[in-house]
Amino acid sequence: MMDPTTDNAGTTGDPGAARASLEALRAEIAKAVVGQDPAVTGLVVALLCRGHVLLEGVPGVAKTLLVRALAAALELDTKRVQFTPDLMPSDVTGSLVYDTRTAEFSFQPGPVFTNLLLADEINRTPPKTQSSLLEAMEERQVTVDGTPRPLPEPFLVAATQNPVEYEGTYPLPEAQLDRFLLKLTVPLPSRQDEIDVLTRHAEGFNPRDLRAAGVRPVANAADLEAARASVAKTTISPEITAYVVDICRATRESPSLTLGVSPRGATALLAASRAWAWLTGRDYVIPDDVKALALPTLRHRVQLRPEAEMEGVTADAVINAILAHVPVPR
């Protein structure tokens, strides 16, 4: 693996070197964020799949810092939008502005025209503004006044949200949730991790100055392109494809759910499993890859029945039960 301390702004596009630089990316983020390895890995998987990520956790567990550290470790353009109740769709996508000198309207791009968009506290803004990202996330373009404008490549939305039971939050519409490849939960740290966080702060760590913390760019767009091309060559057997389909179909038949996983969700699980297999050094997908990515890929694509919710059933519990019952291919 590449030495994560090397001040290296990426490789020249070689697939082997690309895997090393993405491994280094995980190590680089760990310089700023303690004990959130699953979330870090999820962000890397999303980059490989050209997918978007939703990070959920209570305030103060370093969701924003996690995405900022990812941006600092990537040689990519990045912008941040703080979602508030008064934010307008045009504040995200851009708008037409009248130029008095030319007596014409010109388009002023919004912050969505970037490689990595940090949508901070996305569920604190009303659904109308939330949905302004729908076209950008799905079509990778923004249409203003009938003219489609393509977004830069690569393009990733990393959105953070507080749990929906928190005051001042608006639940994300199902259509928008389905556009996120992964929903990653950012839990409260363990006792030892929290001690490590406080020790870093006591030693002068400043979360607003990641460069001072030693976070450097270790991957760039060429690495991502080489890695994605290599992931696309990872073999998926017919048995694995059928296994993914069986898992997703089982969610549609679960008595605890009113909404199961759509075919888009099945495609997302297959893509995420493939990226994870490649990251772990294999050129083929095994059932354990599917199991490893099932929760983050599917938990936001299902909807619990009210009676199941009242009994304390969670989406994760339903998916785990399905994984335990669906036959695993040999």
C-alpha atoms as a PDB file:
ATOM      1  CA  MET A   1       0.000   0.000   0.000  1.00  0.00           C
ATOM      2  CA  MET A   2       1.139   3.550  -0.710  1.00  0.00           C
ATOM      3  CA  ASP A   3       2.723   5.347   2.212  1.00  0.00           C
ATOM      4  CA  PRO A   4      -0.112   7.615   3.402  1.00  0.00           C
ATOM      5  CA  THR A   5       2.374  10.194   4.623  1.00  0.00           C
ATOM      6  CA  THR A   6       3.719  10.768   1.138  1.00  0.00           C
ATOM      7  CA  ASP A   7       2.779  14.198  -0.227  1.00  0.00           C
ATOM      8  CA  ASN A   8       1.529  12.769  -3.476  1.00  0.00           C
ATOM      9  CA  ALA A   9      -1.179  14.369  -5.587  1.00  0.00           C
ATOM     10  CA  GLY A  10      -2.239  11.132  -7.224  1.00  0.00           C
ATOM     11  CA  THR A  11      -0.887   8.735  -9.821  1.00  0.00           C
ATOM     12  CA  THR A  12      -0.762   8.710 -13.568  1.00  0.00           C
ATOM     13  CA  GLY A  13      -3.847   6.548 -14.041  1.00  0.00           C
ATOM     14  CA  ASP A  14      -2.391   3.022 -13.595  1.00  0.00           C
ATOM     15  CA  PRO A  15      -5.082   0.690 -12.101  1.00  0.00           C
ATOM     16  CA  GLY A  16      -2.675  -0.854  -9.560  1.00  0.00           C
ATOM     17  CA  ALA A  17      -1.462   2.532  -8.438  1.00  0.00           C
ATOM     18  CA  ALA A  18      -5.071   3.762  -8.384  1.00  0.00           C
ATOM     19  CA  ARG A  19      -6.024   1.091  -5.836  1.00  0.00           C
ATOM     20  CA  ALA A  20      -3.026   2.077  -3.717  1.00  0.00           C
ATOM     21  CA  SER A  21      -3.972   5.758  -3.837  1.00  0.00           C
ATOM     22  CA  LEU A  22      -7.569   5.002  -2.813  1.00  0.00           C
ATOM     23  CA  GLU A  23      -6.273   2.916   0.084  1.00  0.00           C
ATOM     24  CA  ALA A  24      -4.076   5.885   0.994  1.00  0.00           C
ATOM     25  CA  LEU A  25      -7.183   8.061   0.803  1.00  0.00           C
ATOM     26  CA  ARG A  26      -8.733   6.095   3.664  1.00  0.00           C
ATOM     27  CA  ALA A  27      -5.561   6.488   5.734  1.00  0.00           C
ATOM     28  CA  GLU A  28      -5.387  10.206   4.976  1.00  0.00           C
ATOM     29  CA  ILE A  29      -8.942  10.832   6.187  1.00  0.00           C
ATOM     30  CA  ALA A  30      -8.100   8.991   9.421  1.00  0.00           C
ATOM     31  CA  LYS A  31      -5.648  11.795  10.226  1.00  0.00           C
ATOM     32  CA  ALA A  32      -8.641  14.048  10.851  1.00  0.00           C
ATOM     33  CA  VAL A  33     -11.476  11.654  11.761  1.00  0.00           C
ATOM     34  CA  VAL A  34     -11.202   9.035  14.507  1.00  0.00           C
ATOM     35  CA  GLY A  35     -13.015   5.695  14.518  1.00  0.00           C
ATOM     36  CA  GLN A  36     -15.351   6.070  11.520  1.00  0.00           C
ATOM     37  CA  ASP A  37     -13.753   3.499   9.205  1.00  0.00           C
ATOM     38  CA  PRO A  38     -17.060   2.094   7.804  1.00  0.00           C
ATOM     39  CA  ALA A  39     -18.198   5.574   6.775  1.00  0.00           C
ATOM     40  CA  VAL A  40     -14.816   6.333   5.203  1.00  0.00           C
ATOM     41  CA  THR A  41     -14.927   3.064   3.250  1.00  0.00           C
ATOM     42  CA  GLY A  42     -18.476   3.842   2.136  1.00  0.00           C
ATOM     43  CA  LEU A  43     -17.376   7.190   0.719  1.00  0.00           C
ATOM     44  CA  VAL A  44     -14.602   5.494  -1.258  1.00  0.00           C
ATOM     45  CA  VAL A  45     -17.055   2.869  -2.595  1.00  0.00           C
ATOM     46  CA  ALA A  46     -19.391   5.675  -3.704  1.00  0.00           C
ATOM     47  CA  LEU A  47     -16.550   7.393  -5.554  1.00  0.00           C
ATOM     48  CA  LEU A  48     -15.827   4.158  -7.412  1.00  0.00           C
ATOM     49  CA  CYS A  49     -19.510   3.687  -8.330  1.00  0.00           C
ATOM     50  CA  ARG A  50     -20.179   7.308  -9.376  1.00  0.00           C
ATOM     51  CA  GLY A  51     -22.746   7.303  -6.569  1.00  0.00           C
ATOM     52  CA  HIS A  52     -23.885   9.752  -3.916  1.00  0.00           C
ATOM     53  CA  VAL A  53     -23.751   9.329  -0.147  1.00  0.00           C
ATOM     54  CA  LEU A  54     -26.099  10.276   2.684  1.00  0.00           C
ATOM     55  CA  LEU A  55     -24.449  10.484   6.112  1.00  0.00           C
ATOM     56  CA  GLU A  56     -26.819  10.346   9.080  1.00  0.00           C
ATOM     57  CA  GLY A  57     -25.958  10.906  12.716  1.00  0.00           C
ATOM     58  CA  VAL A  58     -26.667  13.128  15.678  1.00  0.00           C
ATOM     59  CA  PRO A  59     -25.010  16.577  15.694  1.00  0.00           C
ATOM     60  CA  GLY A  60     -21.364  16.590  16.690  1.00  0.00           C
ATOM     61  CA  VAL A  61     -20.150  13.198  15.426  1.00  0.00           C
ATOM     62  CA  ALA A  62     -17.896  14.656  12.674  1.00  0.00           C
ATOM     63  CA  LYS A  63     -20.154  14.095   9.632  1.00  0.00           C
ATOM     64  CA  THR A  64     -19.123  17.395   8.037  1.00  0.00           C
ATOM     65  CA  LEU A  65     -15.489  16.924   9.039  1.00  0.00           C
ATOM     66  CA  LEU A  66     -15.521  13.500   7.385  1.00  0.00           C
ATOM     67  CA  VAL A  67     -16.583  14.944   4.022  1.00  0.00           C
ATOM     68  CA  ARG A  68     -14.205  17.915   4.340  1.00  0.00           C
ATOM     69  CA  ALA A  69     -11.337  15.504   5.031  1.00  0.00           C
ATOM     70  CA  LEU A  70     -12.308  13.504   1.921  1.00  0.00           C
ATOM     71  CA  ALA A  71     -12.266  16.714  -0.116  1.00  0.00           C
ATOM     72  CA  ALA A  72      -8.860  17.682   1.291  1.00  0.00           C
ATOM     73  CA  ALA A  73      -7.428  14.256   0.406  1.00  0.00           C
ATOM     74  CA  LEU A  74      -8.709  14.478  -3.175  1.00  0.00           C
ATOM     75  CA  GLU A  75      -7.294  16.795  -5.810  1.00  0.00           C
ATOM     76  CA  LEU A  76     -10.807  17.804  -6.872  1.00  0.00           C
ATOM     77  CA  ASP A  77     -12.877  20.968  -6.821  1.00  0.00           C
ATOM     78  CA  THR A  78     -15.254  21.039  -3.859  1.00  0.00           C
ATOM     79  CA  LYS A  79     -18.011  23.337  -2.601  1.00  0.00           C
ATOM     80  CA  ARG A  80     -20.238  23.356   0.479  1.00  0.00           C
ATOM     81  CA  VAL A  81     -23.881  24.368   0.858  1.00  0.00           C
ATOM     82  CA  GLN A  82     -25.399  24.843   4.315  1.00  0.00           C
ATOM     83  CA  PHE A  83     -29.044  23.860   3.866  1.00  0.00           C
ATOM     84  CA  THR A  84     -31.375  26.149   5.825  1.00  0.00           C
ATOM     85  CA  PRO A  85     -35.181  26.617   5.859  1.00  0.00           C
ATOM     86  CA  ASP A  86     -34.939  29.754   3.673  1.00  0.00           C
ATOM     87  CA  LEU A  87     -32.590  28.276   1.036  1.00  0.00           C
ATOM     88  CA  MET A  88     -34.006  28.526  -2.497  1.00  0.00           C
ATOM     89  CA  PRO A  89     -33.461  25.980  -5.326  1.00  0.00           C
ATOM     90  CA  SER A  90     -31.609  28.628  -7.364  1.00  0.00           C
ATOM     91  CA  ASP A  91     -29.156  29.037  -4.461  1.00  0.00           C
ATOM     92  CA  VAL A  92     -28.035  25.475  -5.226  1.00  0.00           C
ATOM     93  CA  THR A  93     -28.327  25.142  -8.989  1.00  0.00           C
ATOM     94  CA  GLY A  94     -27.687  28.718 -10.151  1.00  0.00           C
ATOM     95  CA  SER A  95     -29.918  31.225 -11.919  1.00  0.00           C
ATOM     96  CA  LEU A  96     -30.236  33.663 -14.811  1.00  0.00           C
ATOM     97  CA  VAL A  97     -28.996  37.152 -13.943  1.00  0.00           C
ATOM     98  CA  TYR A  98     -29.766  40.254 -15.983  1.00  0.00           C
ATOM     99  CA  ASP A  99     -26.632  42.037 -17.198  1.00  0.00           C
ATOM    100  CA  THR A 100     -27.330  45.766 -17.626  1.00  0.00           C
ATOM    101  CA  ARG A 101     -24.246  46.230 -19.811  1.00  0.00           C
ATOM    102  CA  THR A 102     -25.336  43.723 -22.456  1.00  0.00           C
ATOM    103  CA  ALA A 103     -29.079  43.954 -21.779  1.00  0.00           C
ATOM    104  CA  GLU A 104     -29.139  40.140 -21.722  1.00  0.00           C
ATOM    105  CA  PHE A 105     -29.603  37.384 -19.168  1.00  0.00           C
ATOM    106  CA  SER A 106     -26.526  35.318 -18.327  1.00  0.00           C
ATOM    107  CA  PHE A 107     -26.358  32.105 -16.318  1.00  0.00           C
ATOM    108  CA  GLN A 108     -24.555  32.260 -12.975  1.00  0.00           C
ATOM    109  CA  PRO A 109     -23.651  28.699 -11.936  1.00  0.00           C
ATOM    110  CA  GLY A 110     -24.564  27.633  -8.410  1.00  0.00           C
ATOM    111  CA  PRO A 111     -22.369  25.613  -6.036  1.00  0.00           C
ATOM    112  CA  VAL A 112     -23.634  22.352  -7.574  1.00  0.00           C
ATOM    113  CA  PHE A 113     -21.157  22.960 -10.436  1.00  0.00           C
ATOM    114  CA  THR A 114     -18.261  21.232  -8.693  1.00  0.00           C
ATOM    115  CA  ASN A 115     -16.722  17.764  -8.330  1.00  0.00           C
ATOM    116  CA  LEU A 116     -17.592  17.140  -4.691  1.00  0.00           C
ATOM    117  CA  LEU A 117     -20.640  18.896  -3.245  1.00  0.00           C
ATOM    118  CA  LEU A 118     -21.053  18.857   0.534  1.00  0.00           C
ATOM    119  CA  ALA A 119     -24.776  19.284   1.179  1.00  0.00           C
ATOM    120  CA  ASP A 120     -24.700  20.012   4.894  1.00  0.00           C
ATOM    121  CA  GLU A 121     -27.827  19.204   6.933  1.00  0.00           C
ATOM    122  CA  ILE A 122     -29.838  18.574   3.772  1.00  0.00           C
ATOM    123  CA  ASN A 123     -32.995  17.731   5.725  1.00  0.00           C
ATOM    124  CA  ARG A 124     -33.195  21.178   7.335  1.00  0.00           C
ATOM    125  CA  THR A 125     -34.508  22.690   4.117  1.00  0.00           C
ATOM    126  CA  PRO A 126     -38.028  22.173   2.676  1.00  0.00           C
ATOM    127  CA  PRO A 127     -38.649  19.420   0.060  1.00  0.00           C
ATOM    128  CA  LYS A 128     -38.767  21.948  -2.820  1.00  0.00           C
ATOM    129  CA  THR A 129     -35.125  22.885  -2.279  1.00  0.00           C
ATOM    130  CA  GLN A 130     -34.124  19.296  -1.502  1.00  0.00           C
ATOM    131  CA  SER A 131     -35.536  18.235  -4.862  1.00  0.00           C
ATOM    132  CA  SER A 132     -33.412  20.846  -6.678  1.00  0.00           C
ATOM    133  CA  LEU A 133     -30.639  18.255  -6.469  1.00  0.00           C
ATOM    134  CA  LEU A 134     -32.678  15.469  -8.095  1.00  0.00           C
ATOM    135  CA  GLU A 135     -31.739  16.227 -11.703  1.00  0.00           C
ATOM    136  CA  ALA A 136     -28.134  16.958 -10.753  1.00  0.00           C
ATOM    137  CA  MET A 137     -27.774  13.633  -8.931  1.00  0.00           C
ATOM    138  CA  GLU A 138     -29.502  11.477 -11.545  1.00  0.00           C
ATOM    139  CA  GLU A 139     -28.725  13.163 -14.877  1.00  0.00           C
ATOM    140  CA  ARG A 140     -25.542  15.000 -13.820  1.00  0.00           C
ATOM    141  CA  GLN A 141     -26.851  18.163 -15.363  1.00  0.00           C
ATOM    142  CA  VAL A 142     -28.908  21.206 -14.387  1.00  0.00           C
ATOM    143  CA  THR A 143     -31.673  22.610 -16.587  1.00  0.00           C
ATOM    144  CA  VAL A 144     -32.344  26.340 -16.225  1.00  0.00           C
ATOM    145  CA  ASP A 145     -34.759  28.156 -18.584  1.00  0.00           C
ATOM    146  CA  GLY A 146     -34.985  25.024 -20.747  1.00  0.00           C
ATOM    147  CA  THR A 147     -31.231  24.751 -21.318  1.00  0.00           C
ATOM    148  CA  PRO A 148     -29.446  21.670 -19.890  1.00  0.00           C
ATOM    149  CA  ARG A 149     -25.989  22.405 -18.492  1.00  0.00           C
ATOM    150  CA  PRO A 150     -23.709  19.420 -17.787  1.00  0.00           C
ATOM    151  CA  LEU A 151     -21.947  19.138 -14.431  1.00  0.00           C
ATOM    152  CA  PRO A 152     -18.206  18.478 -14.098  1.00  0.00           C
ATOM    153  CA  GLU A 153     -16.916  14.897 -14.022  1.00  0.00           C
ATOM    154  CA  PRO A 154     -16.446  13.353 -11.505  1.00  0.00           C
ATOM    155  CA  PHE A 155     -19.480  14.578  -9.555  1.00  0.00           C
ATOM    156  CA  LEU A 156     -20.431  13.363  -6.080  1.00  0.00           C
ATOM    157  CA  VAL A 157     -22.999  14.661  -3.603  1.00  0.00           C
ATOM    158  CA  ALA A 158     -22.087  13.913   0.004  1.00  0.00           C
ATOM    159  CA  ALA A 159     -25.069  14.983   2.101  1.00  0.00           C
ATOM    160  CA  THR A 160     -25.303  15.021   5.879  1.00  0.00           C
ATOM    161  CA  GLN A 161     -28.531  14.878   7.832  1.00  0.00           C
ATOM    162  CA  ASN A 162     -29.649  14.730  11.435  1.00  0.00           C
ATOM    163  CA  PRO A 163     -32.045  11.930  12.462  1.00  0.00           C
ATOM    164  CA  VAL A 164     -35.572  12.767  11.272  1.00  0.00           C
ATOM    165  CA  GLU A 165     -36.986  12.875  14.793  1.00  0.00           C
ATOM    166  CA  TYR A 166     -34.874  15.960  15.518  1.00  0.00           C
ATOM    167  CA  GLU A 167     -36.668  19.303  15.639  1.00  0.00           C
ATOM    168  CA  GLY A 168     -36.567  21.409  12.473  1.00  0.00           C
ATOM    169  CA  THR A 169     -35.982  18.540  10.038  1.00  0.00           C
ATOM    170  CA  TYR A 170     -37.910  17.601   6.897  1.00  0.00           C
ATOM    171  CA  PRO A 171     -37.896  13.932   5.833  1.00  0.00           C
ATOM    172  CA  LEU A 172     -36.280  13.434   2.427  1.00  0.00           C
ATOM    173  CA  PRO A 173     -38.753  12.271  -0.274  1.00  0.00           C
ATOM    174  CA  GLU A 174     -38.452   8.597  -1.256  1.00  0.00           C
ATOM    175  CA  ALA A 175     -37.527   9.592  -4.819  1.00  0.00           C
ATOM    176  CA  GLN A 176     -34.542  11.543  -3.543  1.00  0.00           C
ATOM    177  CA  LEU A 177     -33.463   8.898  -1.052  1.00  0.00           C
ATOM    178  CA  ASP A 178     -33.376   6.403  -3.919  1.00  0.00           C
ATOM    179  CA  ARG A 179     -30.823   8.601  -5.716  1.00  0.00           C
ATOM    180  CA  PHE A 180     -28.288   8.050  -2.931  1.00  0.00           C
ATOM    181  CA  LEU A 181     -26.147   4.987  -3.543  1.00  0.00           C
ATOM    182  CA  LEU A 182     -25.424   4.561   0.174  1.00  0.00           C
ATOM    183  CA  LYS A 183     -26.861   5.741   3.461  1.00  0.00           C
ATOM    184  CA  LEU A 184     -24.113   5.591   6.059  1.00  0.00           C
ATOM    185  CA  THR A 185     -24.830   5.937   9.760  1.00  0.00           C
ATOM    186  CA  VAL A 186     -22.218   7.844  11.764  1.00  0.00           C
ATOM    187  CA  PRO A 187     -22.506   6.558  15.344  1.00  0.00           C
ATOM    188  CA  LEU A 188     -21.311   8.103  18.585  1.00  0.00           C
ATOM    189  CA  PRO A 189     -17.676   7.129  19.174  1.00  0.00           C
ATOM    190  CA  SER A 190     -16.563   4.460  21.598  1.00  0.00           C
ATOM    191  CA  ARG A 191     -15.025   5.571  24.885  1.00  0.00           C
ATOM    192  CA  GLN A 192     -11.463   5.079  23.625  1.00  0.00           C
ATOM    193  CA  ASP A 193     -12.178   6.859  20.332  1.00  0.00           C
ATOM    194  CA  GLU A 194     -13.667   9.795  22.231  1.00  0.00           C
ATOM    195  CA  ILE A 195     -10.557   9.937  24.420  1.00  0.00           C
ATOM    196  CA  ASP A 196      -8.439  10.002  21.239  1.00  0.00           C
ATOM    197  CA  VAL A 197     -10.573  12.851  19.819  1.00  0.00           C
ATOM    198  CA  LEU A 198     -10.168  14.948  22.963  1.00  0.00           C
ATOM    199  CA  THR A 199      -6.440  14.190  23.110  1.00  0.00           C
ATOM    200  CA  ARG A 200      -6.012  15.461  19.540  1.00  0.00           C
ATOM    201  CA  HIS A 201      -7.880  18.660  20.375  1.00  0.00           C
ATOM    202  CA  ALA A 202      -5.812  19.134  23.520  1.00  0.00           C
ATOM    203  CA  GLU A 203      -2.678  18.827  21.366  1.00  0.00           C
ATOM    204  CA  GLY A 204      -3.873  21.619  19.074  1.00  0.00           C
ATOM    205  CA  PHE A 205      -5.905  19.874  16.358  1.00  0.00           C
ATOM    206  CA  ASN A 206      -8.055  22.407  14.517  1.00  0.00           C
ATOM    207  CA  PRO A 207     -10.875  20.836  12.455  1.00  0.00           C
ATOM    208  CA  ARG A 208     -11.038  24.021  10.353  1.00  0.00           C
ATOM    209  CA  ASP A 209      -7.401  23.674   9.265  1.00  0.00           C
ATOM    210  CA  LEU A 210      -6.975  20.181   7.850  1.00  0.00           C
ATOM    211  CA  ARG A 211      -3.707  21.044   6.125  1.00  0.00           C
ATOM    212  CA  ALA A 212      -2.163  21.775   9.513  1.00  0.00           C
ATOM    213  CA  ALA A 213      -3.378  18.324  10.614  1.00  0.00           C
ATOM    214  CA  GLY A 214      -1.308  16.821   7.784  1.00  0.00           C
ATOM    215  CA  VAL A 215      -4.127  15.935   5.373  1.00  0.00           C
ATOM    216  CA  ARG A 216      -2.750  16.105   1.828  1.00  0.00           C
ATOM    217  CA  PRO A 217      -4.160  15.236  -1.630  1.00  0.00           C
ATOM    218  CA  VAL A 218      -3.297  11.592  -2.349  1.00  0.00           C
ATOM    219  CA  ALA A 219      -5.679  10.861  -5.264  1.00  0.00           C
ATOM    220  CA  ASN A 220      -6.995  12.738  -8.264  1.00  0.00           C
ATOM    221  CA  ALA A 221      -9.432  12.413 -11.169  1.00  0.00           C
ATOM    222  CA  ALA A 222      -7.027  10.202 -13.165  1.00  0.00           C
ATOM    223  CA  ASP A 223      -6.825   7.737 -10.258  1.00  0.00           C
ATOM    224  CA  LEU A 224     -10.605   7.613 -10.032  1.00  0.00           C
ATOM    225  CA  GLU A 225     -10.979   7.016 -13.766  1.00  0.00           C
ATOM    226  CA  ALA A 226      -8.383   4.211 -13.727  1.00  0.00           C
ATOM    227  CA  ALA A 227      -9.990   2.670 -10.647  1.00  0.00           C
ATOM    228  CA  ARG A 228     -13.490   2.787 -12.139  1.00  0.00           C
ATOM    229  CA  ALA A 229     -12.259   1.146 -15.339  1.00  0.00           C
ATOM    230  CA  SER A 230     -10.663  -1.619 -13.268  1.00  0.00           C
ATOM    231  CA  VAL A 231     -13.812  -2.089 -11.150  1.00  0.00           C
ATOM    232  CA  ALA A 232     -15.843  -2.517 -14.356  1.00  0.00           C
ATOM    233  CA  LYS A 233     -13.701  -5.581 -15.202  1.00  0.00           C
ATOM    234  CA  THR A 234     -14.477  -7.287 -11.884  1.00  0.00           C
ATOM    235  CA  THR A 235     -16.341 -10.529 -12.630  1.00  0.00           C
ATOM    236  CA  ILE A 236     -19.914 -11.061 -11.438  1.00  0.00           C
ATOM    237  CA  SER A 237     -21.200 -14.627 -11.755  1.00  0.00           C
ATOM    238  CA  PRO A 238     -24.856 -15.376 -12.627  1.00  0.00           C
ATOM    239  CA  GLU A 239     -25.227 -16.885  -9.140  1.00  0.00           C
ATOM    240  CA  ILE A 240     -24.237 -13.577  -7.492  1.00  0.00           C
ATOM    241  CA  THR A 241     -26.633 -11.645  -9.722  1.00  0.00           C
ATOM    242  CA  ALA A 242     -29.448 -14.016  -8.736  1.00  0.00           C
ATOM    243  CA  TYR A 243     -28.479 -13.676  -5.051  1.00  0.00           C
ATOM    244  CA  VAL A 244     -28.813  -9.890  -5.231  1.00  0.00           C
ATOM    245  CA  VAL A 245     -32.185 -10.192  -6.967  1.00  0.00           C
ATOM    246  CA  ASP A 246     -33.437 -12.691  -4.341  1.00  0.00           C
ATOM    247  CA  ILE A 247     -32.463 -10.344  -1.492  1.00  0.00           C
ATOM    248  CA  CYS A 248     -34.227  -7.375  -3.079  1.00  0.00           C
ATOM    249  CA  ARG A 249     -37.345  -9.391  -3.960  1.00  0.00           C
ATOM    250  CA  ALA A 250     -37.512 -10.632  -0.362  1.00  0.00           C
ATOM    251  CA  THR A 251     -37.817  -7.025   0.851  1.00  0.00           C
ATOM    252  CA  ARG A 252     -40.907  -6.585  -1.335  1.00  0.00           C
ATOM    253  CA  GLU A 253     -42.524  -9.605   0.329  1.00  0.00           C
ATOM    254  CA  SER A 254     -41.574  -8.752   3.924  1.00  0.00           C
ATOM    255  CA  PRO A 255     -44.609  -8.308   6.234  1.00  0.00           C
ATOM    256  CA  SER A 256     -42.720  -5.563   8.088  1.00  0.00           C
ATOM    257  CA  LEU A 257     -42.326  -3.325   5.032  1.00  0.00           C
ATOM    258  CA  THR A 258     -44.755  -1.255   2.972  1.00  0.00           C
ATOM    259  CA  LEU A 259     -42.061  -0.454   0.408  1.00  0.00           C
ATOM    260  CA  GLY A 260     -39.389  -2.859  -0.773  1.00  0.00           C
ATOM    261  CA  VAL A 261     -36.233  -2.336  -2.793  1.00  0.00           C
ATOM    262  CA  SER A 262     -36.713  -1.270  -6.435  1.00  0.00           C
ATOM    263  CA  PRO A 263     -34.705  -2.634  -9.382  1.00  0.00           C
ATOM    264  CA  ARG A 264     -32.581   0.533  -9.117  1.00  0.00           C
ATOM    265  CA  GLY A 265     -31.710  -0.547  -5.579  1.00  0.00           C
ATOM    266  CA  ALA A 266     -30.738  -4.014  -6.813  1.00  0.00           C
ATOM    267  CA  THR A 267     -28.457  -2.416  -9.417  1.00  0.00           C
ATOM    268  CA  ALA A 268     -26.913  -0.230  -6.713  1.00  0.00           C
ATOM    269  CA  LEU A 269     -26.222  -3.243  -4.470  1.00  0.00           C
ATOM    270  CA  LEU A 270     -24.540  -5.093  -7.318  1.00  0.00           C
ATOM    271  CA  ALA A 271     -22.367  -2.063  -8.184  1.00  0.00           C
ATOM    272  CA  ALA A 272     -21.386  -1.419  -4.564  1.00  0.00           C
ATOM    273  CA  SER A 273     -20.508  -5.103  -4.021  1.00  0.00           C
ATOM    274  CA  ARG A 274     -18.338  -5.024  -7.125  1.00  0.00           C
ATOM    275  CA  ALA A 275     -16.461  -1.920  -5.932  1.00  0.00           C
ATOM    276  CA  TRP A 276     -15.927  -3.467  -2.489  1.00  0.00           C
ATOM    277  CA  ALA A 277     -14.577  -6.682  -4.044  1.00  0.00           C
ATOM    278  CA  TRP A 278     -12.095  -4.628  -6.097  1.00  0.00           C
ATOM    279  CA  LEU A 279     -11.039  -2.580  -3.062  1.00  0.00           C
ATOM    280  CA  THR A 280     -10.284  -5.759  -1.124  1.00  0.00           C
ATOM    281  CA  GLY A 281      -8.026  -6.960  -3.943  1.00  0.00           C
ATOM    282  CA  ARG A 282     -10.246  -9.450  -5.773  1.00  0.00           C
ATOM    283  CA  ASP A 283     -11.307  -9.452  -9.429  1.00  0.00           C
ATOM    284  CA  TYR A 284     -14.561 -11.323  -8.715  1.00  0.00           C
ATOM    285  CA  VAL A 285     -17.530 -10.814  -6.368  1.00  0.00           C
ATOM    286  CA  ILE A 286     -18.423 -13.255  -3.590  1.00  0.00           C
ATOM    287  CA  PRO A 287     -21.585 -13.418  -1.421  1.00  0.00           C
ATOM    288  CA  ASP A 288     -19.749 -11.796   1.507  1.00  0.00           C
ATOM    289  CA  ASP A 289     -19.269  -8.655  -0.611  1.00  0.00           C
ATOM    290  CA  VAL A 290     -23.028  -8.455  -1.123  1.00  0.00           C
ATOM    291  CA  LYS A 291     -23.681  -8.964   2.599  1.00  0.00           C
ATOM    292  CA  ALA A 292     -21.115  -6.306   3.534  1.00  0.00           C
ATOM    293  CA  LEU A 293     -22.832  -3.638   1.406  1.00  0.00           C
ATOM    294  CA  ALA A 294     -26.474  -4.698   1.865  1.00  0.00           C
ATOM    295  CA  LEU A 295     -27.264  -2.474   4.865  1.00  0.00           C
ATOM    296  CA  PRO A 296     -25.817   0.833   3.603  1.00  0.00           C
ATOM    297  CA  THR A 297     -27.203   0.246   0.096  1.00  0.00           C
ATOM    298  CA  LEU A 298     -30.729  -0.860   1.047  1.00  0.00           C
ATOM    299  CA  ARG A 299     -31.661   0.672   4.428  1.00  0.00           C
ATOM    300  CA  HIS A 300     -32.925   3.944   2.919  1.00  0.00           C
ATOM    301  CA  ARG A 301     -34.808   2.228   0.077  1.00  0.00           C
ATOM    302  CA  VAL A 302     -37.301   0.386   2.281  1.00  0.00           C
ATOM    303  CA  GLN A 303     -40.219   1.725   4.305  1.00  0.00           C
ATOM    304  CA  LEU A 304     -41.437   0.190   7.552  1.00  0.00           C
ATOM    305  CA  ARG A 305     -45.091  -0.459   8.302  1.00  0.00           C
ATOM    306  CA  PRO A 306     -46.344   1.817  11.116  1.00  0.00           C
ATOM    307  CA  GLU A 307     -47.163  -1.170  13.337  1.00  0.00           C
ATOM    308  CA  ALA A 308     -43.659  -2.593  12.874  1.00  0.00           C
ATOM    309  CA  GLU A 309     -42.157   0.796  13.708  1.00  0.00           C
ATOM    310  CA  MET A 310     -44.250   0.967  16.894  1.00  0.00           C
ATOM    311  CA  GLU A 311     -42.884  -2.414  17.904  1.00  0.00           C
ATOM    312  CA  GLY A 312     -39.330  -1.085  17.600  1.00  0.00           C
ATOM    313  CA  VAL A 313     -38.459  -2.878  14.380  1.00  0.00           C
ATOM    314  CA  THR A 314     -35.777  -1.118  12.307  1.00  0.00           C
ATOM    315  CA  ALA A 315     -34.944  -1.276   8.609  1.00  0.00           C
ATOM    316  CA  ASP A 316     -31.523  -2.718   9.465  1.00  0.00           C
ATOM    317  CA  ALA A 317     -33.131  -5.519  11.504  1.00  0.00           C
ATOM    318  CA  VAL A 318     -35.462  -6.437   8.618  1.00  0.00           C
ATOM    319  CA  ILE A 319     -32.590  -6.507   6.113  1.00  0.00           C
ATOM    320  CA  ASN A 320     -30.418  -8.594   8.460  1.00  0.00           C
ATOM    321  CA  ALA A 321     -33.268 -11.090   8.865  1.00  0.00           C
ATOM    322  CA  ILE A 322     -33.613 -11.309   5.079  1.00  0.00           C
ATOM    323  CA  LEU A 323     -29.866 -11.891   4.677  1.00  0.00           C
ATOM    324  CA  ALA A 324     -30.120 -14.699   7.222  1.00  0.00           C
ATOM    325  CA  HIS A 325     -32.933 -16.443   5.317  1.00  0.00           C
ATOM    326  CA  VAL A 326     -32.090 -15.969   1.622  1.00  0.00           C
ATOM    327  CA  PRO A 327     -30.040 -18.993   0.437  1.00  0.00           C
ATOM    328  CA  VAL A 328     -26.391 -18.125  -0.185  1.00  0.00           C
ATOM    329  CA  PRO A 329     -24.938 -19.395  -3.506  1.00  0.00           C
ATOM    330  CA  ARG A 330     -22.178 -21.955  -3.178  1.00  0.00           C
END
